[in-house]
Amino acid sequence: MAQTQRKPVYVQPKHHEILRRIAFEQRCNISDVLDAVLEQADWETITQEARNKPVQRSMKRGGMDQ
């Protein structure tokens, strides 16, 4: 079997259940559903949110309010 370009992805259990249901309804594999979701993702927004997360966590812990 040929090697794929896929990287390992962690899917939270609650999201896995959603993907599993969609795959069952569409009669396809979970990986096919995940591929479709990732293709349609707005990666610029995701990148921006990922940059802000450490700052938000730091502020919640009280590191920025000194």
C-alpha atoms as a PDB file:
ATOM      1  CA  MET A   1       0.000   0.000   0.000  1.00  0.00           C
ATOM      2  CA  ALA A   2       1.318   3.462  -0.858  1.00  0.00           C
ATOM      3  CA  GLN A   3       2.368   5.878   1.850  1.00  0.00           C
ATOM      4  CA  THR A   4       0.002   8.765   2.434  1.00  0.00           C
ATOM      5  CA  GLN A   5       0.844  12.367   3.269  1.00  0.00           C
ATOM      6  CA  ARG A   6      -1.398  12.339   6.338  1.00  0.00           C
ATOM      7  CA  LYS A   7      -0.110  13.364   9.712  1.00  0.00           C
ATOM      8  CA  PRO A   8      -1.471  11.969  12.969  1.00  0.00           C
ATOM      9  CA  VAL A   9      -4.400  14.001  14.271  1.00  0.00           C
ATOM     10  CA  TYR A  10      -5.903  13.837  17.751  1.00  0.00           C
ATOM     11  CA  VAL A  11      -9.675  14.028  17.729  1.00  0.00           C
ATOM     12  CA  GLN A  12     -11.448  14.609  21.023  1.00  0.00           C
ATOM     13  CA  PRO A  13     -13.967  11.880  21.896  1.00  0.00           C
ATOM     14  CA  LYS A  14     -16.974  14.207  21.525  1.00  0.00           C
ATOM     15  CA  HIS A  15     -15.797  15.222  18.049  1.00  0.00           C
ATOM     16  CA  HIS A  16     -14.969  11.634  17.134  1.00  0.00           C
ATOM     17  CA  GLU A  17     -18.583  10.696  17.822  1.00  0.00           C
ATOM     18  CA  ILE A  18     -19.803  13.467  15.503  1.00  0.00           C
ATOM     19  CA  LEU A  19     -17.402  12.394  12.734  1.00  0.00           C
ATOM     20  CA  ARG A  20     -18.444   8.759  13.230  1.00  0.00           C
ATOM     21  CA  ARG A  21     -22.133   9.629  12.852  1.00  0.00           C
ATOM     22  CA  ILE A  22     -21.514  11.648   9.691  1.00  0.00           C
ATOM     23  CA  ALA A  23     -19.396   8.834   8.233  1.00  0.00           C
ATOM     24  CA  PHE A  24     -22.146   6.330   9.021  1.00  0.00           C
ATOM     25  CA  GLU A  25     -24.833   8.513   7.419  1.00  0.00           C
ATOM     26  CA  GLN A  26     -22.722   9.171   4.328  1.00  0.00           C
ATOM     27  CA  ARG A  27     -21.501   5.556   4.176  1.00  0.00           C
ATOM     28  CA  CYS A  28     -17.832   6.503   4.112  1.00  0.00           C
ATOM     29  CA  ASN A  29     -14.775   6.369   6.383  1.00  0.00           C
ATOM     30  CA  ILE A  30     -14.163   8.749   9.270  1.00  0.00           C
ATOM     31  CA  SER A  31     -10.897   9.771   7.606  1.00  0.00           C
ATOM     32  CA  ASP A  32     -12.850  10.873   4.507  1.00  0.00           C
ATOM     33  CA  VAL A  33     -15.104  13.063   6.659  1.00  0.00           C
ATOM     34  CA  LEU A  34     -12.101  14.514   8.483  1.00  0.00           C
ATOM     35  CA  ASP A  35     -10.378  15.256   5.155  1.00  0.00           C
ATOM     36  CA  ALA A  36     -13.463  17.153   3.963  1.00  0.00           C
ATOM     37  CA  VAL A  37     -13.647  19.163   7.197  1.00  0.00           C
ATOM     38  CA  LEU A  38      -9.951  20.044   7.070  1.00  0.00           C
ATOM     39  CA  GLU A  39     -10.194  21.103   3.428  1.00  0.00           C
ATOM     40  CA  GLN A  40     -12.964  23.566   4.274  1.00  0.00           C
ATOM     41  CA  ALA A  41     -11.338  24.958   7.425  1.00  0.00           C
ATOM     42  CA  ASP A  42     -10.441  28.651   7.541  1.00  0.00           C
ATOM     43  CA  TRP A  43      -6.758  28.213   8.379  1.00  0.00           C
ATOM     44  CA  GLU A  44      -6.093  31.931   8.758  1.00  0.00           C
ATOM     45  CA  THR A  45      -8.668  32.167  11.553  1.00  0.00           C
ATOM     46  CA  ILE A  46      -7.346  28.997  13.179  1.00  0.00           C
ATOM     47  CA  THR A  47      -3.782  30.359  13.073  1.00  0.00           C
ATOM     48  CA  GLN A  48      -4.876  33.640  14.660  1.00  0.00           C
ATOM     49  CA  GLU A  49      -6.767  31.850  17.440  1.00  0.00           C
ATOM     50  CA  ALA A  50      -3.797  29.564  18.078  1.00  0.00           C
ATOM     51  CA  ARG A  51      -1.544  32.619  18.501  1.00  0.00           C
ATOM     52  CA  ASN A  52      -3.975  34.170  21.002  1.00  0.00           C
ATOM     53  CA  LYS A  53      -4.529  31.051  23.128  1.00  0.00           C
ATOM     54  CA  PRO A  54      -1.268  31.235  25.132  1.00  0.00           C
ATOM     55  CA  VAL A  55      -1.925  34.910  25.898  1.00  0.00           C
ATOM     56  CA  GLN A  56      -5.498  34.169  26.979  1.00  0.00           C
ATOM     57  CA  ARG A  57      -4.362  31.312  29.218  1.00  0.00           C
ATOM     58  CA  SER A  58      -1.691  33.487  30.771  1.00  0.00           C
ATOM     59  CA  MET A  59      -4.225  36.211  31.502  1.00  0.00           C
ATOM     60  CA  LYS A  60      -6.611  33.710  33.099  1.00  0.00           C
ATOM     61  CA  ARG A  61      -3.827  32.484  35.371  1.00  0.00           C
ATOM     62  CA  GLY A  62      -3.154  36.043  36.461  1.00  0.00           C
ATOM     63  CA  GLY A  63       0.244  36.375  34.849  1.00  0.00           C
ATOM     64  CA  MET A  64      -0.586  39.570  32.965  1.00  0.00           C
ATOM     65  CA  ASP A  65      -2.432  41.517  35.682  1.00  0.00           C
ATOM     66  CA  GLN A  66       0.580  42.260  37.860  1.00  0.00           C
END
